[in-house]
Amino acid sequence: MKERQQMNAHLNKEKAVSFLQLVASGKVREAFERHVGPDFHHHNPYFRGDAESLMVAMEENAEKNPNKVFEVKRAIEEGESVAVHSYVRQHPEDLGAVVIHIFRFQDDRIVELWDVGQAIPEDSPNENGFF
């Protein structure tokens, strides 16, 4: 039983990363069809909390930023949750932002999503950087 849970958790990490990669590459509807469950909701304060509103916003962003750069730095799983720490730039010359997406899975599908981000400043006194 524990082996199956570990395997599913690993698959959930792969699914979370796949979802984000598809979205970043402009394949937003495919990402939702492949990975999102029927009772999905999210916590982004700029959009209504349903799947359709977020999907439309992601499609608009992909259309506006066709050269988006998305790099996963790490993915961490605990139980039914996966956190993905990534570097996102709207275009290759953009300084970008650090973004953390937290996914909750149920029955191998994403049912809940949180995201937080911080823009990367031009100058920072921290010699360790964001990653």
N, C-alpha and C. Protein backbone atom coordinates (compact mmCIF):
# COMPACT_ATOMS: atom_id res chain seq x y z
N MET A 1 0.82 -1.20 0.00
CA MET A 1 0.00 0.00 0.00
C MET A 1 0.87 1.26 0.00
N LYS A 2 1.90 1.28 0.86
CA LYS A 2 2.78 2.44 0.95
C LYS A 2 3.54 2.66 -0.37
N GLU A 3 3.96 1.57 -1.03
CA GLU A 3 4.65 1.68 -2.32
C GLU A 3 3.74 2.33 -3.35
N ARG A 4 2.47 1.93 -3.36
CA ARG A 4 1.51 2.51 -4.31
C ARG A 4 1.32 4.01 -4.04
N GLN A 5 1.24 4.39 -2.77
CA GLN A 5 1.10 5.81 -2.42
C GLN A 5 2.33 6.58 -2.88
N GLN A 6 3.53 6.03 -2.68
CA GLN A 6 4.75 6.71 -3.11
C GLN A 6 4.78 6.84 -4.63
N MET A 7 4.37 5.79 -5.34
CA MET A 7 4.34 5.83 -6.79
C MET A 7 3.35 6.89 -7.28
N ASN A 8 2.15 6.92 -6.67
CA ASN A 8 1.15 7.93 -7.04
C ASN A 8 1.66 9.33 -6.75
N ALA A 9 2.36 9.51 -5.63
CA ALA A 9 2.90 10.82 -5.30
C ALA A 9 3.91 11.25 -6.35
N HIS A 10 4.76 10.33 -6.76
CA HIS A 10 5.73 10.64 -7.80
C HIS A 10 5.01 11.01 -9.10
N LEU A 11 3.95 10.26 -9.42
CA LEU A 11 3.17 10.58 -10.61
C LEU A 11 2.49 11.93 -10.47
N ASN A 12 2.04 12.27 -9.27
CA ASN A 12 1.43 13.58 -9.05
C ASN A 12 2.44 14.69 -9.30
N LYS A 13 3.69 14.50 -8.89
CA LYS A 13 4.73 15.50 -9.18
C LYS A 13 4.88 15.67 -10.69
N GLU A 14 4.92 14.54 -11.39
CA GLU A 14 5.04 14.60 -12.85
C GLU A 14 3.84 15.30 -13.47
N LYS A 15 2.65 15.02 -12.95
CA LYS A 15 1.43 15.65 -13.48
C LYS A 15 1.42 17.15 -13.21
N ALA A 16 1.84 17.57 -12.03
CA ALA A 16 1.89 19.00 -11.71
C ALA A 16 2.85 19.73 -12.64
N VAL A 17 4.03 19.15 -12.83
CA VAL A 17 5.02 19.77 -13.73
C VAL A 17 4.50 19.76 -15.16
N SER A 18 3.91 18.67 -15.60
CA SER A 18 3.35 18.60 -16.95
C SER A 18 2.28 19.67 -17.15
N PHE A 19 1.40 19.82 -16.17
CA PHE A 19 0.36 20.84 -16.25
C PHE A 19 0.98 22.22 -16.48
N LEU A 20 1.98 22.57 -15.69
CA LEU A 20 2.60 23.89 -15.80
C LEU A 20 3.35 24.05 -17.12
N GLN A 21 4.03 23.00 -17.57
CA GLN A 21 4.75 23.08 -18.84
C GLN A 21 3.79 23.26 -20.01
N LEU A 22 2.69 22.54 -19.99
CA LEU A 22 1.69 22.70 -21.05
C LEU A 22 1.12 24.11 -21.05
N VAL A 23 0.78 24.62 -19.88
CA VAL A 23 0.24 25.98 -19.78
C VAL A 23 1.25 26.99 -20.31
N ALA A 24 2.51 26.87 -19.88
CA ALA A 24 3.54 27.82 -20.30
C ALA A 24 3.78 27.78 -21.80
N SER A 25 3.59 26.61 -22.41
CA SER A 25 3.82 26.48 -23.86
C SER A 25 2.58 26.87 -24.68
N GLY A 26 1.52 27.30 -24.00
CA GLY A 26 0.32 27.75 -24.70
C GLY A 26 -0.73 26.67 -24.88
N LYS A 27 -0.47 25.46 -24.40
CA LYS A 27 -1.43 24.36 -24.53
C LYS A 27 -2.31 24.27 -23.28
N VAL A 28 -2.97 25.36 -23.01
CA VAL A 28 -3.74 25.52 -21.78
C VAL A 28 -4.91 24.54 -21.70
N ARG A 29 -5.70 24.46 -22.74
CA ARG A 29 -6.86 23.54 -22.72
C ARG A 29 -6.41 22.09 -22.57
N GLU A 30 -5.33 21.73 -23.24
CA GLU A 30 -4.80 20.38 -23.11
C GLU A 30 -4.38 20.11 -21.66
N ALA A 31 -3.75 21.09 -21.03
CA ALA A 31 -3.33 20.95 -19.63
C ALA A 31 -4.53 20.68 -18.73
N PHE A 32 -5.59 21.44 -18.93
CA PHE A 32 -6.79 21.27 -18.10
C PHE A 32 -7.47 19.93 -18.39
N GLU A 33 -7.56 19.56 -19.67
CA GLU A 33 -8.21 18.29 -20.02
C GLU A 33 -7.44 17.10 -19.46
N ARG A 34 -6.13 17.14 -19.51
CA ARG A 34 -5.31 16.02 -19.05
C ARG A 34 -5.25 15.89 -17.53
N HIS A 35 -5.21 17.03 -16.82
CA HIS A 35 -4.81 16.98 -15.42
C HIS A 35 -5.81 17.51 -14.39
N VAL A 36 -6.81 18.25 -14.81
CA VAL A 36 -7.68 18.92 -13.84
C VAL A 36 -8.95 18.11 -13.59
N GLY A 37 -9.30 17.97 -12.31
CA GLY A 37 -10.49 17.24 -11.91
C GLY A 37 -11.75 18.08 -12.03
N PRO A 38 -12.91 17.44 -11.96
CA PRO A 38 -14.19 18.13 -12.16
C PRO A 38 -14.53 19.15 -11.06
N ASP A 39 -14.02 18.97 -9.87
CA ASP A 39 -14.34 19.89 -8.77
C ASP A 39 -13.21 20.88 -8.51
N PHE A 40 -12.43 21.19 -9.54
CA PHE A 40 -11.27 22.07 -9.41
C PHE A 40 -11.67 23.47 -8.96
N HIS A 41 -10.85 24.01 -8.07
CA HIS A 41 -10.94 25.43 -7.74
C HIS A 41 -9.54 25.93 -7.39
N HIS A 42 -9.37 27.24 -7.51
CA HIS A 42 -8.05 27.83 -7.27
C HIS A 42 -8.19 29.06 -6.39
N HIS A 43 -7.02 29.57 -5.96
CA HIS A 43 -7.02 30.65 -4.98
C HIS A 43 -6.29 31.90 -5.48
N ASN A 44 -6.16 32.06 -6.78
CA ASN A 44 -5.54 33.27 -7.33
C ASN A 44 -6.52 34.43 -7.12
N PRO A 45 -6.10 35.47 -6.41
CA PRO A 45 -7.04 36.54 -6.05
C PRO A 45 -7.47 37.43 -7.21
N TYR A 46 -6.86 37.26 -8.39
CA TYR A 46 -7.17 38.14 -9.52
C TYR A 46 -8.26 37.58 -10.43
N PHE A 47 -8.72 36.36 -10.18
CA PHE A 47 -9.71 35.73 -11.03
C PHE A 47 -10.75 35.01 -10.18
N ARG A 48 -11.91 34.79 -10.76
CA ARG A 48 -12.91 33.96 -10.08
C ARG A 48 -12.26 32.61 -9.79
N GLY A 49 -12.77 31.86 -8.83
CA GLY A 49 -12.14 30.65 -8.35
C GLY A 49 -12.43 29.37 -9.11
N ASP A 50 -13.09 29.46 -10.26
CA ASP A 50 -13.44 28.26 -11.03
C ASP A 50 -12.40 27.96 -12.11
N ALA A 51 -12.45 26.76 -12.65
CA ALA A 51 -11.50 26.30 -13.67
C ALA A 51 -11.61 27.14 -14.94
N GLU A 52 -12.81 27.40 -15.41
CA GLU A 52 -13.00 28.11 -16.67
C GLU A 52 -12.36 29.51 -16.63
N SER A 53 -12.57 30.25 -15.56
CA SER A 53 -12.01 31.60 -15.44
C SER A 53 -10.49 31.57 -15.47
N LEU A 54 -9.90 30.64 -14.75
CA LEU A 54 -8.44 30.54 -14.74
C LEU A 54 -7.91 30.09 -16.10
N MET A 55 -8.58 29.16 -16.71
CA MET A 55 -8.16 28.66 -18.02
C MET A 55 -8.18 29.79 -19.06
N VAL A 56 -9.21 30.58 -19.08
CA VAL A 56 -9.31 31.70 -20.02
C VAL A 56 -8.19 32.71 -19.76
N ALA A 57 -7.93 33.02 -18.50
CA ALA A 57 -6.85 33.96 -18.17
C ALA A 57 -5.49 33.41 -18.61
N MET A 58 -5.28 32.11 -18.41
CA MET A 58 -4.03 31.49 -18.83
C MET A 58 -3.89 31.50 -20.36
N GLU A 59 -5.00 31.29 -21.06
CA GLU A 59 -4.97 31.35 -22.53
C GLU A 59 -4.63 32.76 -23.01
N GLU A 60 -5.22 33.76 -22.38
CA GLU A 60 -4.94 35.14 -22.75
C GLU A 60 -3.47 35.47 -22.50
N ASN A 61 -2.93 35.02 -21.38
CA ASN A 61 -1.52 35.25 -21.07
C ASN A 61 -0.63 34.55 -22.09
N ALA A 62 -0.96 33.33 -22.47
CA ALA A 62 -0.15 32.58 -23.45
C ALA A 62 -0.17 33.27 -24.81
N GLU A 63 -1.33 33.80 -25.18
CA GLU A 63 -1.44 34.51 -26.46
C GLU A 63 -0.62 35.80 -26.44
N LYS A 64 -0.65 36.48 -25.32
CA LYS A 64 0.09 37.74 -25.18
C LYS A 64 1.59 37.50 -25.05
N ASN A 65 2.00 36.36 -24.52
CA ASN A 65 3.41 36.05 -24.27
C ASN A 65 3.79 34.70 -24.88
N PRO A 66 3.86 34.64 -26.23
CA PRO A 66 4.13 33.36 -26.89
C PRO A 66 5.55 32.82 -26.67
N ASN A 67 6.46 33.65 -26.20
CA ASN A 67 7.85 33.22 -25.99
C ASN A 67 8.17 33.05 -24.51
N LYS A 68 7.17 32.71 -23.73
CA LYS A 68 7.34 32.53 -22.30
C LYS A 68 8.41 31.47 -22.02
N VAL A 69 9.20 31.71 -20.97
CA VAL A 69 10.24 30.76 -20.54
C VAL A 69 9.84 30.27 -19.16
N PHE A 70 9.77 28.95 -19.02
CA PHE A 70 9.35 28.34 -17.76
C PHE A 70 10.37 27.28 -17.37
N GLU A 71 10.96 27.43 -16.19
CA GLU A 71 11.95 26.48 -15.71
C GLU A 71 11.57 25.99 -14.32
N VAL A 72 11.41 24.70 -14.18
CA VAL A 72 11.16 24.11 -12.87
C VAL A 72 12.49 24.00 -12.14
N LYS A 73 12.53 24.50 -10.94
CA LYS A 73 13.74 24.41 -10.12
C LYS A 73 13.65 23.23 -9.16
N ARG A 74 12.45 22.97 -8.64
CA ARG A 74 12.25 21.80 -7.77
C ARG A 74 10.76 21.52 -7.62
N ALA A 75 10.47 20.27 -7.37
CA ALA A 75 9.09 19.86 -7.10
C ALA A 75 9.12 18.97 -5.85
N ILE A 76 8.24 19.26 -4.94
CA ILE A 76 8.21 18.57 -3.64
C ILE A 76 6.81 18.04 -3.41
N GLU A 77 6.72 16.78 -2.97
CA GLU A 77 5.41 16.20 -2.70
C GLU A 77 5.31 15.79 -1.25
N GLU A 78 4.10 15.97 -0.75
CA GLU A 78 3.78 15.49 0.59
C GLU A 78 2.31 15.08 0.58
N GLY A 79 2.08 13.80 0.71
CA GLY A 79 0.71 13.32 0.68
C GLY A 79 0.04 13.65 -0.63
N GLU A 80 -1.11 14.30 -0.56
CA GLU A 80 -1.86 14.64 -1.77
C GLU A 80 -1.46 16.00 -2.36
N SER A 81 -0.42 16.62 -1.78
CA SER A 81 0.00 17.94 -2.22
C SER A 81 1.35 17.91 -2.93
N VAL A 82 1.48 18.78 -3.93
CA VAL A 82 2.73 18.95 -4.65
C VAL A 82 3.01 20.44 -4.73
N ALA A 83 4.25 20.83 -4.44
CA ALA A 83 4.68 22.22 -4.59
C ALA A 83 5.74 22.27 -5.69
N VAL A 84 5.59 23.21 -6.61
CA VAL A 84 6.54 23.38 -7.70
C VAL A 84 7.11 24.79 -7.61
N HIS A 85 8.43 24.86 -7.45
CA HIS A 85 9.18 26.11 -7.35
C HIS A 85 9.78 26.35 -8.73
N SER A 86 9.44 27.47 -9.36
CA SER A 86 9.88 27.68 -10.73
C SER A 86 10.30 29.12 -11.01
N TYR A 87 10.94 29.26 -12.16
CA TYR A 87 11.39 30.55 -12.66
C TYR A 87 10.59 30.82 -13.94
N VAL A 88 9.85 31.91 -13.96
CA VAL A 88 8.99 32.24 -15.09
C VAL A 88 9.37 33.60 -15.65
N ARG A 89 9.56 33.62 -16.97
CA ARG A 89 9.81 34.88 -17.68
C ARG A 89 8.80 34.98 -18.81
N GLN A 90 8.18 36.12 -18.96
CA GLN A 90 7.17 36.30 -20.00
C GLN A 90 7.79 36.30 -21.40
N HIS A 91 9.09 36.65 -21.47
CA HIS A 91 9.86 36.58 -22.71
C HIS A 91 11.33 36.42 -22.31
N PRO A 92 12.19 35.96 -23.20
CA PRO A 92 13.58 35.63 -22.82
C PRO A 92 14.38 36.76 -22.17
N GLU A 93 14.09 38.02 -22.50
CA GLU A 93 14.84 39.15 -21.93
C GLU A 93 14.31 39.62 -20.58
N ASP A 94 13.17 39.13 -20.18
CA ASP A 94 12.51 39.50 -18.94
C ASP A 94 13.31 38.98 -17.74
N LEU A 95 13.46 39.79 -16.69
CA LEU A 95 14.08 39.31 -15.45
C LEU A 95 13.23 38.22 -14.81
N GLY A 96 11.94 38.31 -14.99
CA GLY A 96 11.04 37.27 -14.55
C GLY A 96 10.66 37.31 -13.09
N ALA A 97 10.15 36.17 -12.65
CA ALA A 97 9.66 36.03 -11.28
C ALA A 97 9.88 34.61 -10.80
N VAL A 98 9.96 34.49 -9.51
CA VAL A 98 9.95 33.19 -8.85
C VAL A 98 8.49 32.90 -8.55
N VAL A 99 8.03 31.71 -8.91
CA VAL A 99 6.64 31.34 -8.68
C VAL A 99 6.59 29.99 -7.98
N ILE A 100 5.72 29.89 -7.01
CA ILE A 100 5.48 28.62 -6.34
C ILE A 100 4.01 28.28 -6.54
N HIS A 101 3.78 27.12 -7.14
CA HIS A 101 2.43 26.59 -7.32
C HIS A 101 2.27 25.44 -6.34
N ILE A 102 1.17 25.43 -5.65
CA ILE A 102 0.85 24.33 -4.74
C ILE A 102 -0.42 23.66 -5.27
N PHE A 103 -0.31 22.38 -5.52
CA PHE A 103 -1.41 21.60 -6.07
C PHE A 103 -1.93 20.63 -5.02
N ARG A 104 -3.23 20.42 -5.01
CA ARG A 104 -3.82 19.32 -4.23
C ARG A 104 -4.47 18.37 -5.22
N PHE A 105 -4.12 17.11 -5.06
CA PHE A 105 -4.64 16.07 -5.94
C PHE A 105 -5.70 15.23 -5.24
N GLN A 106 -6.63 14.75 -6.02
CA GLN A 106 -7.63 13.80 -5.55
C GLN A 106 -7.94 12.89 -6.73
N ASP A 107 -7.86 11.58 -6.51
CA ASP A 107 -8.11 10.60 -7.57
C ASP A 107 -7.24 10.89 -8.80
N ASP A 108 -5.97 11.20 -8.56
CA ASP A 108 -4.97 11.45 -9.61
C ASP A 108 -5.23 12.68 -10.46
N ARG A 109 -6.08 13.59 -10.00
CA ARG A 109 -6.39 14.81 -10.76
C ARG A 109 -6.17 16.02 -9.85
N ILE A 110 -5.83 17.15 -10.45
CA ILE A 110 -5.66 18.40 -9.71
C ILE A 110 -7.05 18.92 -9.35
N VAL A 111 -7.27 19.12 -8.06
CA VAL A 111 -8.57 19.64 -7.63
C VAL A 111 -8.46 21.00 -6.95
N GLU A 112 -7.23 21.41 -6.64
CA GLU A 112 -7.06 22.71 -5.99
C GLU A 112 -5.67 23.24 -6.32
N LEU A 113 -5.59 24.57 -6.48
CA LEU A 113 -4.33 25.20 -6.87
C LEU A 113 -4.17 26.55 -6.18
N TRP A 114 -2.98 26.76 -5.63
CA TRP A 114 -2.56 28.05 -5.09
C TRP A 114 -1.32 28.48 -5.86
N ASP A 115 -1.12 29.78 -6.03
CA ASP A 115 0.12 30.24 -6.63
C ASP A 115 0.54 31.56 -5.99
N VAL A 116 1.83 31.66 -5.76
CA VAL A 116 2.40 32.89 -5.22
C VAL A 116 3.66 33.20 -6.02
N GLY A 117 3.91 34.48 -6.23
CA GLY A 117 5.08 34.86 -7.01
C GLY A 117 5.74 36.11 -6.48
N GLN A 118 6.99 36.25 -6.86
CA GLN A 118 7.76 37.42 -6.49
C GLN A 118 8.63 37.81 -7.66
N ALA A 119 8.51 39.06 -8.10
CA ALA A 119 9.33 39.56 -9.20
C ALA A 119 10.80 39.57 -8.78
N ILE A 120 11.66 39.26 -9.72
CA ILE A 120 13.10 39.30 -9.46
C ILE A 120 13.58 40.74 -9.67
N PRO A 121 14.15 41.36 -8.66
CA PRO A 121 14.61 42.75 -8.80
C PRO A 121 15.92 42.82 -9.59
N GLU A 122 16.16 43.98 -10.19
CA GLU A 122 17.42 44.16 -10.93
C GLU A 122 18.61 44.06 -9.99
N ASP A 123 18.48 44.65 -8.83
CA ASP A 123 19.58 44.63 -7.85
C ASP A 123 19.07 44.04 -6.54
N SER A 124 19.84 43.12 -5.99
CA SER A 124 19.47 42.53 -4.71
C SER A 124 20.73 42.41 -3.86
N PRO A 125 20.64 42.75 -2.59
CA PRO A 125 21.81 42.61 -1.73
C PRO A 125 22.10 41.14 -1.37
N ASN A 126 21.17 40.25 -1.68
CA ASN A 126 21.34 38.85 -1.31
C ASN A 126 22.20 38.13 -2.35
N GLU A 127 23.38 37.72 -1.94
CA GLU A 127 24.33 37.06 -2.85
C GLU A 127 23.93 35.62 -3.20
N ASN A 128 22.92 35.07 -2.52
CA ASN A 128 22.50 33.69 -2.79
C ASN A 128 21.50 33.59 -3.94
N GLY A 129 20.88 34.68 -4.32
CA GLY A 129 19.92 34.65 -5.40
C GLY A 129 18.62 33.93 -5.01
N PHE A 130 17.75 33.77 -5.98
CA PHE A 130 16.45 33.15 -5.73
C PHE A 130 16.48 31.64 -5.82
N PHE A 131 17.51 31.10 -6.47
CA PHE A 131 17.49 29.67 -6.71
C PHE A 131 18.74 29.02 -6.14
